[in-house]
Amino acid sequence: MKIRKSAAVVALAGAALFATAACSDSSDSVDEATSKVSTAVASAASEVSTAVEDAVDEVTGLSTSKAQEILRKAVDPATPAEEIDSVVDTSDPATKAAIIAFAKGSSAAGYTPDI
């Protein structure tokens, strides 16, 4: 929804500036209008990009920092088995055992959660 509104604003702004430039006889005003359109499009593109990122975070509910936190907790051998249930889907009993085994094995090989 946010993306559609931003795209509509860009389209309307561009159409209005081109229409204004088309009615003028001066080439200076065309250059000014072109510059304004370029600036408006760049600004709108930035807003659309930000809106897309926000929408993805809102839909998934998972930011990069939260994903890192979950991953570190899951692969840390010091994490109690009860806490693994809060960060990983353990509806399959083999999943929890596999994660605990992976955490212990990777830690023994020198791969800590920070690496």
PDB file of N, CA and C in Angstrom:
ATOM      1  N   MET A   1       0.825  -1.174   0.000  1.00  0.00           N
ATOM      2  CA  MET A   1       0.000   0.000   0.000  1.00  0.00           C
ATOM      3  C   MET A   1       0.876   1.246   0.000  1.00  0.00           C
ATOM      4  N   LYS A   2       1.917   1.257   0.822  1.00  0.00           N
ATOM      5  CA  LYS A   2       2.817   2.407   0.886  1.00  0.00           C
ATOM      6  C   LYS A   2       3.531   2.601  -0.442  1.00  0.00           C
ATOM      7  N   ILE A   3       3.896   1.488  -1.078  1.00  0.00           N
ATOM      8  CA  ILE A   3       4.627   1.553  -2.335  1.00  0.00           C
ATOM      9  C   ILE A   3       3.729   2.132  -3.422  1.00  0.00           C
ATOM     10  N   ARG A   4       2.482   1.749  -3.475  1.00  0.00           N
ATOM     11  CA  ARG A   4       1.559   2.265  -4.481  1.00  0.00           C
ATOM     12  C   ARG A   4       1.381   3.761  -4.338  1.00  0.00           C
ATOM     13  N   LYS A   5       1.245   4.233  -3.109  1.00  0.00           N
ATOM     14  CA  LYS A   5       1.070   5.665  -2.885  1.00  0.00           C
ATOM     15  C   LYS A   5       2.304   6.433  -3.328  1.00  0.00           C
ATOM     16  N   SER A   6       3.479   5.931  -3.001  1.00  0.00           N
ATOM     17  CA  SER A   6       4.713   6.602  -3.390  1.00  0.00           C
ATOM     18  C   SER A   6       4.869   6.633  -4.899  1.00  0.00           C
ATOM     19  N   ALA A   7       4.556   5.527  -5.548  1.00  0.00           N
ATOM     20  CA  ALA A   7       4.650   5.466  -7.009  1.00  0.00           C
ATOM     21  C   ALA A   7       3.651   6.414  -7.649  1.00  0.00           C
ATOM     22  N   ALA A   8       2.460   6.518  -7.091  1.00  0.00           N
ATOM     23  CA  ALA A   8       1.448   7.425  -7.629  1.00  0.00           C
ATOM     24  C   ALA A   8       1.890   8.871  -7.479  1.00  0.00           C
ATOM     25  N   VAL A   9       2.494   9.208  -6.355  1.00  0.00           N
ATOM     26  CA  VAL A   9       2.988  10.571  -6.133  1.00  0.00           C
ATOM     27  C   VAL A   9       4.066  10.911  -7.149  1.00  0.00           C
ATOM     28  N   VAL A  10       4.978   9.976  -7.397  1.00  0.00           N
ATOM     29  CA  VAL A  10       6.045  10.202  -8.373  1.00  0.00           C
ATOM     30  C   VAL A  10       5.447  10.416  -9.755  1.00  0.00           C
ATOM     31  N   ALA A  11       4.500   9.587 -10.139  1.00  0.00           N
ATOM     32  CA  ALA A  11       3.884   9.698 -11.458  1.00  0.00           C
ATOM     33  C   ALA A  11       3.155  11.032 -11.614  1.00  0.00           C
ATOM     34  N   LEU A  12       2.409  11.428 -10.605  1.00  0.00           N
ATOM     35  CA  LEU A  12       1.687  12.700 -10.678  1.00  0.00           C
ATOM     36  C   LEU A  12       2.645  13.892 -10.716  1.00  0.00           C
ATOM     37  N   ALA A  13       3.692  13.849  -9.915  1.00  0.00           N
ATOM     38  CA  ALA A  13       4.665  14.942  -9.907  1.00  0.00           C
ATOM     39  C   ALA A  13       5.354  15.056 -11.255  1.00  0.00           C
ATOM     40  N   GLY A  14       5.733  13.935 -11.814  1.00  0.00           N
ATOM     41  CA  GLY A  14       6.385  13.936 -13.123  1.00  0.00           C
ATOM     42  C   GLY A  14       5.466  14.450 -14.216  1.00  0.00           C
ATOM     43  N   ALA A  15       4.229  14.002 -14.211  1.00  0.00           N
ATOM     44  CA  ALA A  15       3.265  14.442 -15.221  1.00  0.00           C
ATOM     45  C   ALA A  15       3.006  15.933 -15.098  1.00  0.00           C
ATOM     46  N   ALA A  16       2.881  16.435 -13.886  1.00  0.00           N
ATOM     47  CA  ALA A  16       2.629  17.867 -13.684  1.00  0.00           C
ATOM     48  C   ALA A  16       3.805  18.705 -14.161  1.00  0.00           C
ATOM     49  N   LEU A  17       5.012  18.271 -13.862  1.00  0.00           N
ATOM     50  CA  LEU A  17       6.185  19.038 -14.288  1.00  0.00           C
ATOM     51  C   LEU A  17       6.372  18.992 -15.795  1.00  0.00           C
ATOM     52  N   PHE A  18       6.129  17.859 -16.413  1.00  0.00           N
ATOM     53  CA  PHE A  18       6.244  17.772 -17.863  1.00  0.00           C
ATOM     54  C   PHE A  18       5.161  18.584 -18.545  1.00  0.00           C
ATOM     55  N   ALA A  19       3.973  18.586 -17.993  1.00  0.00           N
ATOM     56  CA  ALA A  19       2.892  19.381 -18.568  1.00  0.00           C
ATOM     57  C   ALA A  19       3.221  20.870 -18.473  1.00  0.00           C
ATOM     58  N   THR A  20       3.777  21.299 -17.369  1.00  0.00           N
ATOM     59  CA  THR A  20       4.168  22.694 -17.199  1.00  0.00           C
ATOM     60  C   THR A  20       5.268  23.062 -18.177  1.00  0.00           C
ATOM     61  N   ALA A  21       6.207  22.188 -18.345  1.00  0.00           N
ATOM     62  CA  ALA A  21       7.309  22.451 -19.269  1.00  0.00           C
ATOM     63  C   ALA A  21       6.828  22.458 -20.715  1.00  0.00           C
ATOM     64  N   ALA A  22       5.872  21.641 -21.051  1.00  0.00           N
ATOM     65  CA  ALA A  22       5.372  21.561 -22.422  1.00  0.00           C
ATOM     66  C   ALA A  22       4.618  22.820 -22.821  1.00  0.00           C
ATOM     67  N   CYS A  23       4.044  23.519 -21.880  1.00  0.00           N
ATOM     68  CA  CYS A  23       3.277  24.735 -22.173  1.00  0.00           C
ATOM     69  C   CYS A  23       4.167  25.958 -22.298  1.00  0.00           C
ATOM     70  N   SER A  24       5.423  25.859 -21.997  1.00  0.00           N
ATOM     71  CA  SER A  24       6.324  26.999 -21.984  1.00  0.00           C
ATOM     72  C   SER A  24       7.110  27.074 -23.271  1.00  0.00           C
ATOM     73  N   ASP A  25       7.501  28.298 -23.677  1.00  0.00           N
ATOM     74  CA  ASP A  25       8.297  28.499 -24.885  1.00  0.00           C
ATOM     75  C   ASP A  25       9.792  28.532 -24.587  1.00  0.00           C
ATOM     76  N   SER A  26      10.152  28.736 -23.352  1.00  0.00           N
ATOM     77  CA  SER A  26      11.550  28.904 -22.978  1.00  0.00           C
ATOM     78  C   SER A  26      12.215  27.558 -22.737  1.00  0.00           C
ATOM     79  N   SER A  27      13.416  27.406 -23.303  1.00  0.00           N
ATOM     80  CA  SER A  27      14.152  26.158 -23.078  1.00  0.00           C
ATOM     81  C   SER A  27      14.697  26.113 -21.658  1.00  0.00           C
ATOM     82  N   ASP A  28      14.888  27.295 -21.028  1.00  0.00           N
ATOM     83  CA  ASP A  28      15.349  27.331 -19.634  1.00  0.00           C
ATOM     84  C   ASP A  28      14.344  26.671 -18.717  1.00  0.00           C
ATOM     85  N   SER A  29      13.064  26.935 -18.945  1.00  0.00           N
ATOM     86  CA  SER A  29      12.056  26.342 -18.071  1.00  0.00           C
ATOM     87  C   SER A  29      11.978  24.834 -18.274  1.00  0.00           C
ATOM     88  N   VAL A  30      12.268  24.367 -19.502  1.00  0.00           N
ATOM     89  CA  VAL A  30      12.292  22.923 -19.754  1.00  0.00           C
ATOM     90  C   VAL A  30      13.440  22.294 -18.969  1.00  0.00           C
ATOM     91  N   ASP A  31      14.593  22.956 -18.996  1.00  0.00           N
ATOM     92  CA  ASP A  31      15.736  22.444 -18.237  1.00  0.00           C
ATOM     93  C   ASP A  31      15.448  22.442 -16.742  1.00  0.00           C
ATOM     94  N   GLU A  32      14.799  23.509 -16.260  1.00  0.00           N
ATOM     95  CA  GLU A  32      14.434  23.570 -14.850  1.00  0.00           C
ATOM     96  C   GLU A  32      13.457  22.463 -14.496  1.00  0.00           C
ATOM     97  N   ALA A  33      12.466  22.257 -15.361  1.00  0.00           N
ATOM     98  CA  ALA A  33      11.472  21.222 -15.110  1.00  0.00           C
ATOM     99  C   ALA A  33      12.116  19.844 -15.128  1.00  0.00           C
ATOM    100  N   THR A  34      13.023  19.639 -16.069  1.00  0.00           N
ATOM    101  CA  THR A  34      13.721  18.359 -16.143  1.00  0.00           C
ATOM    102  C   THR A  34      14.534  18.121 -14.882  1.00  0.00           C
ATOM    103  N   SER A  35      15.190  19.162 -14.410  1.00  0.00           N
ATOM    104  CA  SER A  35      15.972  19.055 -13.180  1.00  0.00           C
ATOM    105  C   SER A  35      15.068  18.735 -11.993  1.00  0.00           C
ATOM    106  N   LYS A  36      13.925  19.417 -11.920  1.00  0.00           N
ATOM    107  CA  LYS A  36      12.993  19.170 -10.825  1.00  0.00           C
ATOM    108  C   LYS A  36      12.433  17.755 -10.880  1.00  0.00           C
ATOM    109  N   VAL A  37      12.135  17.293 -12.088  1.00  0.00           N
ATOM    110  CA  VAL A  37      11.619  15.924 -12.232  1.00  0.00           C
ATOM    111  C   VAL A  37      12.681  14.926 -11.793  1.00  0.00           C
ATOM    112  N   SER A  38      13.917  15.151 -12.212  1.00  0.00           N
ATOM    113  CA  SER A  38      15.006  14.240 -11.827  1.00  0.00           C
ATOM    114  C   SER A  38      15.160  14.189 -10.313  1.00  0.00           C
ATOM    115  N   THR A  39      15.105  15.361  -9.693  1.00  0.00           N
ATOM    116  CA  THR A  39      15.217  15.426  -8.232  1.00  0.00           C
ATOM    117  C   THR A  39      14.043  14.730  -7.564  1.00  0.00           C
ATOM    118  N   ALA A  40      12.832  14.972  -8.088  1.00  0.00           N
ATOM    119  CA  ALA A  40      11.637  14.350  -7.512  1.00  0.00           C
ATOM    120  C   ALA A  40      11.674  12.833  -7.662  1.00  0.00           C
ATOM    121  N   VAL A  41      12.129  12.367  -8.821  1.00  0.00           N
ATOM    122  CA  VAL A  41      12.195  10.918  -9.057  1.00  0.00           C
ATOM    123  C   VAL A  41      13.231  10.277  -8.140  1.00  0.00           C
ATOM    124  N   ALA A  42      14.381  10.926  -7.989  1.00  0.00           N
ATOM    125  CA  ALA A  42      15.417  10.376  -7.102  1.00  0.00           C
ATOM    126  C   ALA A  42      14.923  10.323  -5.661  1.00  0.00           C
ATOM    127  N   SER A  43      14.252  11.389  -5.235  1.00  0.00           N
ATOM    128  CA  SER A  43      13.713  11.427  -3.885  1.00  0.00           C
ATOM    129  C   SER A  43      12.647  10.357  -3.679  1.00  0.00           C
ATOM    130  N   ALA A  44      11.763  10.239  -4.661  1.00  0.00           N
ATOM    131  CA  ALA A  44      10.694   9.244  -4.553  1.00  0.00           C
ATOM    132  C   ALA A  44      11.257   7.827  -4.587  1.00  0.00           C
ATOM    133  N   ALA A  45      12.281   7.612  -5.399  1.00  0.00           N
ATOM    134  CA  ALA A  45      12.899   6.281  -5.453  1.00  0.00           C
ATOM    135  C   ALA A  45      13.479   5.906  -4.105  1.00  0.00           C
ATOM    136  N   SER A  46      14.104   6.880  -3.456  1.00  0.00           N
ATOM    137  CA  SER A  46      14.649   6.637  -2.120  1.00  0.00           C
ATOM    138  C   SER A  46      13.538   6.305  -1.132  1.00  0.00           C
ATOM    139  N   GLU A  47      12.434   7.054  -1.206  1.00  0.00           N
ATOM    140  CA  GLU A  47      11.305   6.798  -0.316  1.00  0.00           C
ATOM    141  C   GLU A  47      10.693   5.429  -0.572  1.00  0.00           C
ATOM    142  N   VAL A  48      10.594   5.048  -1.848  1.00  0.00           N
ATOM    143  CA  VAL A  48      10.037   3.739  -2.189  1.00  0.00           C
ATOM    144  C   VAL A  48      10.939   2.628  -1.665  1.00  0.00           C
ATOM    145  N   SER A  49      12.250   2.811  -1.821  1.00  0.00           N
ATOM    146  CA  SER A  49      13.198   1.813  -1.320  1.00  0.00           C
ATOM    147  C   SER A  49      13.071   1.641   0.182  1.00  0.00           C
ATOM    148  N   THR A  50      12.969   2.758   0.898  1.00  0.00           N
ATOM    149  CA  THR A  50      12.797   2.705   2.350  1.00  0.00           C
ATOM    150  C   THR A  50      11.476   2.042   2.713  1.00  0.00           C
ATOM    151  N   ALA A  51      10.420   2.373   1.958  1.00  0.00           N
ATOM    152  CA  ALA A  51       9.109   1.779   2.230  1.00  0.00           C
ATOM    153  C   ALA A  51       9.125   0.276   1.993  1.00  0.00           C
ATOM    154  N   VAL A  52       9.847  -0.160   0.966  1.00  0.00           N
ATOM    155  CA  VAL A  52       9.947  -1.604   0.681  1.00  0.00           C
ATOM    156  C   VAL A  52      10.660  -2.316   1.816  1.00  0.00           C
ATOM    157  N   GLU A  53      11.775  -1.742   2.275  1.00  0.00           N
ATOM    158  CA  GLU A  53      12.513  -2.352   3.383  1.00  0.00           C
ATOM    159  C   GLU A  53      11.661  -2.418   4.644  1.00  0.00           C
ATOM    160  N   ASP A  54      10.933  -1.338   4.919  1.00  0.00           N
ATOM    161  CA  ASP A  54      10.057  -1.324   6.091  1.00  0.00           C
ATOM    162  C   ASP A  54       8.947  -2.351   5.962  1.00  0.00           C
ATOM    163  N   ALA A  55       8.399  -2.479   4.748  1.00  0.00           N
ATOM    164  CA  ALA A  55       7.314  -3.441   4.520  1.00  0.00           C
ATOM    165  C   ALA A  55       7.814  -4.869   4.697  1.00  0.00           C
ATOM    166  N   VAL A  56       9.013  -5.151   4.209  1.00  0.00           N
ATOM    167  CA  VAL A  56       9.581  -6.497   4.358  1.00  0.00           C
ATOM    168  C   VAL A  56       9.797  -6.808   5.835  1.00  0.00           C
ATOM    169  N   ASP A  57      10.368  -5.845   6.575  1.00  0.00           N
ATOM    170  CA  ASP A  57      10.571  -6.054   8.011  1.00  0.00           C
ATOM    171  C   ASP A  57       9.246  -6.244   8.731  1.00  0.00           C
ATOM    172  N   GLU A  58       8.226  -5.484   8.302  1.00  0.00           N
ATOM    173  CA  GLU A  58       6.915  -5.593   8.945  1.00  0.00           C
ATOM    174  C   GLU A  58       6.270  -6.944   8.659  1.00  0.00           C
ATOM    175  N   VAL A  59       6.395  -7.398   7.426  1.00  0.00           N
ATOM    176  CA  VAL A  59       5.779  -8.674   7.046  1.00  0.00           C
ATOM    177  C   VAL A  59       6.507  -9.839   7.699  1.00  0.00           C
ATOM    178  N   THR A  60       7.820  -9.816   7.626  1.00  0.00           N
ATOM    179  CA  THR A  60       8.578 -10.937   8.177  1.00  0.00           C
ATOM    180  C   THR A  60       8.738 -10.821   9.684  1.00  0.00           C
ATOM    181  N   GLY A  61       8.733  -9.584  10.182  1.00  0.00           N
ATOM    182  CA  GLY A  61       8.901  -9.375  11.615  1.00  0.00           C
ATOM    183  C   GLY A  61      10.302  -9.714  12.086  1.00  0.00           C
ATOM    184  N   LEU A  62      11.249  -9.731  11.165  1.00  0.00           N
ATOM    185  CA  LEU A  62      12.607 -10.139  11.508  1.00  0.00           C
ATOM    186  C   LEU A  62      13.600  -9.178  10.883  1.00  0.00           C
ATOM    187  N   SER A  63      14.289  -8.447  11.716  1.00  0.00           N
ATOM    188  CA  SER A  63      15.337  -7.551  11.238  1.00  0.00           C
ATOM    189  C   SER A  63      16.664  -8.311  11.221  1.00  0.00           C
ATOM    190  N   THR A  64      17.658  -7.718  10.624  1.00  0.00           N
ATOM    191  CA  THR A  64      18.975  -8.354  10.556  1.00  0.00           C
ATOM    192  C   THR A  64      19.560  -8.569  11.946  1.00  0.00           C
ATOM    193  N   SER A  65      19.430  -7.574  12.811  1.00  0.00           N
ATOM    194  CA  SER A  65      19.999  -7.714  14.150  1.00  0.00           C
ATOM    195  C   SER A  65      19.280  -8.804  14.955  1.00  0.00           C
ATOM    196  N   LYS A  66      17.956  -8.894  14.779  1.00  0.00           N
ATOM    197  CA  LYS A  66      17.194  -9.937  15.479  1.00  0.00           C
ATOM    198  C   LYS A  66      17.578 -11.317  14.949  1.00  0.00           C
ATOM    199  N   ALA A  67      17.791 -11.427  13.643  1.00  0.00           N
ATOM    200  CA  ALA A  67      18.201 -12.705  13.052  1.00  0.00           C
ATOM    201  C   ALA A  67      19.566 -13.139  13.588  1.00  0.00           C
ATOM    202  N   GLN A  68      20.494 -12.187  13.713  1.00  0.00           N
ATOM    203  CA  GLN A  68      21.811 -12.496  14.260  1.00  0.00           C
ATOM    204  C   GLN A  68      21.704 -12.959  15.711  1.00  0.00           C
ATOM    205  N   GLU A  69      20.856 -12.291  16.472  1.00  0.00           N
ATOM    206  CA  GLU A  69      20.656 -12.662  17.877  1.00  0.00           C
ATOM    207  C   GLU A  69      20.114 -14.089  17.991  1.00  0.00           C
ATOM    208  N   ILE A  70      19.142 -14.423  17.168  1.00  0.00           N
ATOM    209  CA  ILE A  70      18.555 -15.762  17.188  1.00  0.00           C
ATOM    210  C   ILE A  70      19.595 -16.810  16.792  1.00  0.00           C
ATOM    211  N   LEU A  71      20.344 -16.526  15.738  1.00  0.00           N
ATOM    212  CA  LEU A  71      21.357 -17.474  15.271  1.00  0.00           C
ATOM    213  C   LEU A  71      22.437 -17.705  16.317  1.00  0.00           C
ATOM    214  N   ARG A  72      22.900 -16.641  16.940  1.00  0.00           N
ATOM    215  CA  ARG A  72      23.936 -16.784  17.961  1.00  0.00           C
ATOM    216  C   ARG A  72      23.441 -17.587  19.161  1.00  0.00           C
ATOM    217  N   LYS A  73      22.190 -17.356  19.528  1.00  0.00           N
ATOM    218  CA  LYS A  73      21.637 -18.094  20.661  1.00  0.00           C
ATOM    219  C   LYS A  73      21.499 -19.579  20.303  1.00  0.00           C
ATOM    220  N   ALA A  74      21.097 -19.861  19.059  1.00  0.00           N
ATOM    221  CA  ALA A  74      20.888 -21.249  18.649  1.00  0.00           C
ATOM    222  C   ALA A  74      22.194 -22.034  18.552  1.00  0.00           C
ATOM    223  N   VAL A  75      23.282 -21.392  18.112  1.00  0.00           N
ATOM    224  CA  VAL A  75      24.539 -22.131  17.917  1.00  0.00           C
ATOM    225  C   VAL A  75      25.513 -21.986  19.067  1.00  0.00           C
ATOM    226  N   ASP A  76      25.098 -21.343  20.135  1.00  0.00           N
ATOM    227  CA  ASP A  76      25.958 -21.205  21.311  1.00  0.00           C
ATOM    228  C   ASP A  76      25.789 -22.454  22.183  1.00  0.00           C
ATOM    229  N   PRO A  77      26.869 -23.207  22.425  1.00  0.00           N
ATOM    230  CA  PRO A  77      26.743 -24.418  23.232  1.00  0.00           C
ATOM    231  C   PRO A  77      26.362 -24.123  24.688  1.00  0.00           C
ATOM    232  N   ALA A  78      26.515 -22.889  25.118  1.00  0.00           N
ATOM    233  CA  ALA A  78      26.153 -22.528  26.489  1.00  0.00           C
ATOM    234  C   ALA A  78      24.657 -22.243  26.640  1.00  0.00           C
ATOM    235  N   THR A  79      23.925 -22.195  25.533  1.00  0.00           N
ATOM    236  CA  THR A  79      22.488 -21.938  25.592  1.00  0.00           C
ATOM    237  C   THR A  79      21.775 -23.161  26.158  1.00  0.00           C
ATOM    238  N   PRO A  80      20.983 -22.986  27.218  1.00  0.00           N
ATOM    239  CA  PRO A  80      20.240 -24.126  27.773  1.00  0.00           C
ATOM    240  C   PRO A  80      19.224 -24.661  26.755  1.00  0.00           C
ATOM    241  N   ALA A  81      18.947 -25.947  26.839  1.00  0.00           N
ATOM    242  CA  ALA A  81      18.035 -26.589  25.895  1.00  0.00           C
ATOM    243  C   ALA A  81      16.651 -25.946  25.899  1.00  0.00           C
ATOM    244  N   GLU A  82      16.219 -25.426  27.042  1.00  0.00           N
ATOM    245  CA  GLU A  82      14.901 -24.801  27.126  1.00  0.00           C
ATOM    246  C   GLU A  82      14.838 -23.507  26.310  1.00  0.00           C
ATOM    247  N   GLU A  83      15.953 -22.795  26.248  1.00  0.00           N
ATOM    248  CA  GLU A  83      15.972 -21.537  25.495  1.00  0.00           C
ATOM    249  C   GLU A  83      16.004 -21.772  23.993  1.00  0.00           C
ATOM    250  N   ILE A  84      16.484 -22.904  23.571  1.00  0.00           N
ATOM    251  CA  ILE A  84      16.501 -23.217  22.137  1.00  0.00           C
ATOM    252  C   ILE A  84      15.070 -23.278  21.610  1.00  0.00           C
ATOM    253  N   ASP A  85      14.153 -23.762  22.434  1.00  0.00           N
ATOM    254  CA  ASP A  85      12.744 -23.819  22.027  1.00  0.00           C
ATOM    255  C   ASP A  85      12.195 -22.438  21.689  1.00  0.00           C
ATOM    256  N   SER A  86      12.738 -21.390  22.311  1.00  0.00           N
ATOM    257  CA  SER A  86      12.214 -20.045  22.066  1.00  0.00           C
ATOM    258  C   SER A  86      12.731 -19.422  20.772  1.00  0.00           C
ATOM    259  N   VAL A  87      13.800 -19.958  20.195  1.00  0.00           N
ATOM    260  CA  VAL A  87      14.359 -19.371  18.975  1.00  0.00           C
ATOM    261  C   VAL A  87      14.280 -20.269  17.745  1.00  0.00           C
ATOM    262  N   VAL A  88      13.984 -21.550  17.951  1.00  0.00           N
ATOM    263  CA  VAL A  88      13.933 -22.495  16.841  1.00  0.00           C
ATOM    264  C   VAL A  88      12.647 -23.300  16.924  1.00  0.00           C
ATOM    265  N   ASP A  89      12.081 -23.617  15.761  1.00  0.00           N
ATOM    266  CA  ASP A  89      10.897 -24.467  15.725  1.00  0.00           C
ATOM    267  C   ASP A  89      11.331 -25.898  16.042  1.00  0.00           C
ATOM    268  N   THR A  90      10.976 -26.351  17.220  1.00  0.00           N
ATOM    269  CA  THR A  90      11.390 -27.690  17.658  1.00  0.00           C
ATOM    270  C   THR A  90      10.203 -28.650  17.683  1.00  0.00           C
ATOM    271  N   SER A  91       9.259 -28.456  16.766  1.00  0.00           N
ATOM    272  CA  SER A  91       8.127 -29.375  16.717  1.00  0.00           C
ATOM    273  C   SER A  91       8.588 -30.781  16.323  1.00  0.00           C
ATOM    274  N   ASP A  92       9.684 -30.877  15.589  1.00  0.00           N
ATOM    275  CA  ASP A  92      10.297 -32.174  15.286  1.00  0.00           C
ATOM    276  C   ASP A  92      11.390 -32.392  16.331  1.00  0.00           C
ATOM    277  N   PRO A  93      11.281 -33.427  17.151  1.00  0.00           N
ATOM    278  CA  PRO A  93      12.267 -33.650  18.222  1.00  0.00           C
ATOM    279  C   PRO A  93      13.709 -33.767  17.725  1.00  0.00           C
ATOM    280  N   ALA A  94      13.895 -34.202  16.503  1.00  0.00           N
ATOM    281  CA  ALA A  94      15.248 -34.360  15.971  1.00  0.00           C
ATOM    282  C   ALA A  94      15.919 -33.004  15.745  1.00  0.00           C
ATOM    283  N   THR A  95      15.134 -31.973  15.539  1.00  0.00           N
ATOM    284  CA  THR A  95      15.690 -30.636  15.291  1.00  0.00           C
ATOM    285  C   THR A  95      16.478 -30.137  16.485  1.00  0.00           C
ATOM    286  N   LYS A  96      15.887 -30.242  17.653  1.00  0.00           N
ATOM    287  CA  LYS A  96      16.550 -29.755  18.865  1.00  0.00           C
ATOM    288  C   LYS A  96      17.852 -30.517  19.104  1.00  0.00           C
ATOM    289  N   ALA A  97      17.821 -31.821  18.963  1.00  0.00           N
ATOM    290  CA  ALA A  97      19.037 -32.633  19.162  1.00  0.00           C
ATOM    291  C   ALA A  97      20.098 -32.267  18.134  1.00  0.00           C
ATOM    292  N   ALA A  98      19.692 -32.023  16.893  1.00  0.00           N
ATOM    293  CA  ALA A  98      20.647 -31.669  15.845  1.00  0.00           C
ATOM    294  C   ALA A  98      21.287 -30.310  16.113  1.00  0.00           C
ATOM    295  N   ILE A  99      20.519 -29.358  16.593  1.00  0.00           N
ATOM    296  CA  ILE A  99      21.058 -28.026  16.880  1.00  0.00           C
ATOM    297  C   ILE A  99      22.040 -28.089  18.046  1.00  0.00           C
ATOM    298  N   ILE A 100      21.697 -28.831  19.078  1.00  0.00           N
ATOM    299  CA  ILE A 100      22.597 -28.968  20.235  1.00  0.00           C
ATOM    300  C   ILE A 100      23.889 -29.658  19.806  1.00  0.00           C
ATOM    301  N   ALA A 101      23.779 -30.707  18.991  1.00  0.00           N
ATOM    302  CA  ALA A 101      24.967 -31.413  18.508  1.00  0.00           C
ATOM    303  C   ALA A 101      25.818 -30.505  17.619  1.00  0.00           C
ATOM    304  N   PHE A 102      25.157 -29.724  16.762  1.00  0.00           N
ATOM    305  CA  PHE A 102      25.897 -28.797  15.899  1.00  0.00           C
ATOM    306  C   PHE A 102      26.628 -27.755  16.736  1.00  0.00           C
ATOM    307  N   ALA A 103      25.958 -27.204  17.735  1.00  0.00           N
ATOM    308  CA  ALA A 103      26.569 -26.183  18.586  1.00  0.00           C
ATOM    309  C   ALA A 103      27.797 -26.737  19.302  1.00  0.00           C
ATOM    310  N   LYS A 104      27.693 -27.933  19.827  1.00  0.00           N
ATOM    311  CA  LYS A 104      28.829 -28.540  20.527  1.00  0.00           C
ATOM    312  C   LYS A 104      29.958 -28.866  19.563  1.00  0.00           C
ATOM    313  N   GLY A 105      29.622 -29.429  18.412  1.00  0.00           N
ATOM    314  CA  GLY A 105      30.648 -29.803  17.430  1.00  0.00           C
ATOM    315  C   GLY A 105      31.365 -28.595  16.847  1.00  0.00           C
ATOM    316  N   SER A 106      30.605 -27.573  16.497  1.00  0.00           N
ATOM    317  CA  SER A 106      31.239 -26.385  15.918  1.00  0.00           C
ATOM    318  C   SER A 106      32.089 -25.652  16.950  1.00  0.00           C
ATOM    319  N   SER A 107      31.648 -25.650  18.194  1.00  0.00           N
ATOM    320  CA  SER A 107      32.422 -25.019  19.249  1.00  0.00           C
ATOM    321  C   SER A 107      33.730 -25.774  19.469  1.00  0.00           C
ATOM    322  N   ALA A 108      33.660 -27.101  19.445  1.00  0.00           N
ATOM    323  CA  ALA A 108      34.876 -27.903  19.620  1.00  0.00           C
ATOM    324  C   ALA A 108      35.858 -27.690  18.474  1.00  0.00           C
ATOM    325  N   ALA A 109      35.341 -27.353  17.297  1.00  0.00           N
ATOM    326  CA  ALA A 109      36.196 -27.104  16.139  1.00  0.00           C
ATOM    327  C   ALA A 109      36.710 -25.663  16.106  1.00  0.00           C
ATOM    328  N   GLY A 110      36.272 -24.840  17.071  1.00  0.00           N
ATOM    329  CA  GLY A 110      36.754 -23.470  17.124  1.00  0.00           C
ATOM    330  C   GLY A 110      35.802 -22.442  16.542  1.00  0.00           C
ATOM    331  N   TYR A 111      34.634 -22.863  16.100  1.00  0.00           N
ATOM    332  CA  TYR A 111      33.652 -21.929  15.538  1.00  0.00           C
ATOM    333  C   TYR A 111      32.672 -21.514  16.623  1.00  0.00           C
ATOM    334  N   THR A 112      32.922 -20.353  17.169  1.00  0.00           N
ATOM    335  CA  THR A 112      32.033 -19.835  18.207  1.00  0.00           C
ATOM    336  C   THR A 112      30.924 -19.005  17.553  1.00  0.00           C
ATOM    337  N   PRO A 113      29.890 -18.641  18.284  1.00  0.00           N
ATOM    338  CA  PRO A 113      28.818 -17.853  17.707  1.00  0.00           C
ATOM    339  C   PRO A 113      29.292 -16.503  17.115  1.00  0.00           C
ATOM    340  N   ASP A 114      30.376 -15.969  17.631  1.00  0.00           N
ATOM    341  CA  ASP A 114      30.886 -14.697  17.103  1.00  0.00           C
ATOM    342  C   ASP A 114      31.604 -14.859  15.767  1.00  0.00           C
ATOM    343  N   ILE A 115      32.007 -16.066  15.467  1.00  0.00           N
ATOM    344  CA  ILE A 115      32.698 -16.305  14.196  1.00  0.00           C
ATOM    345  C   ILE A 115      31.675 -16.651  13.165  1.00  0.00           C
TER     346      ILE A 115
END
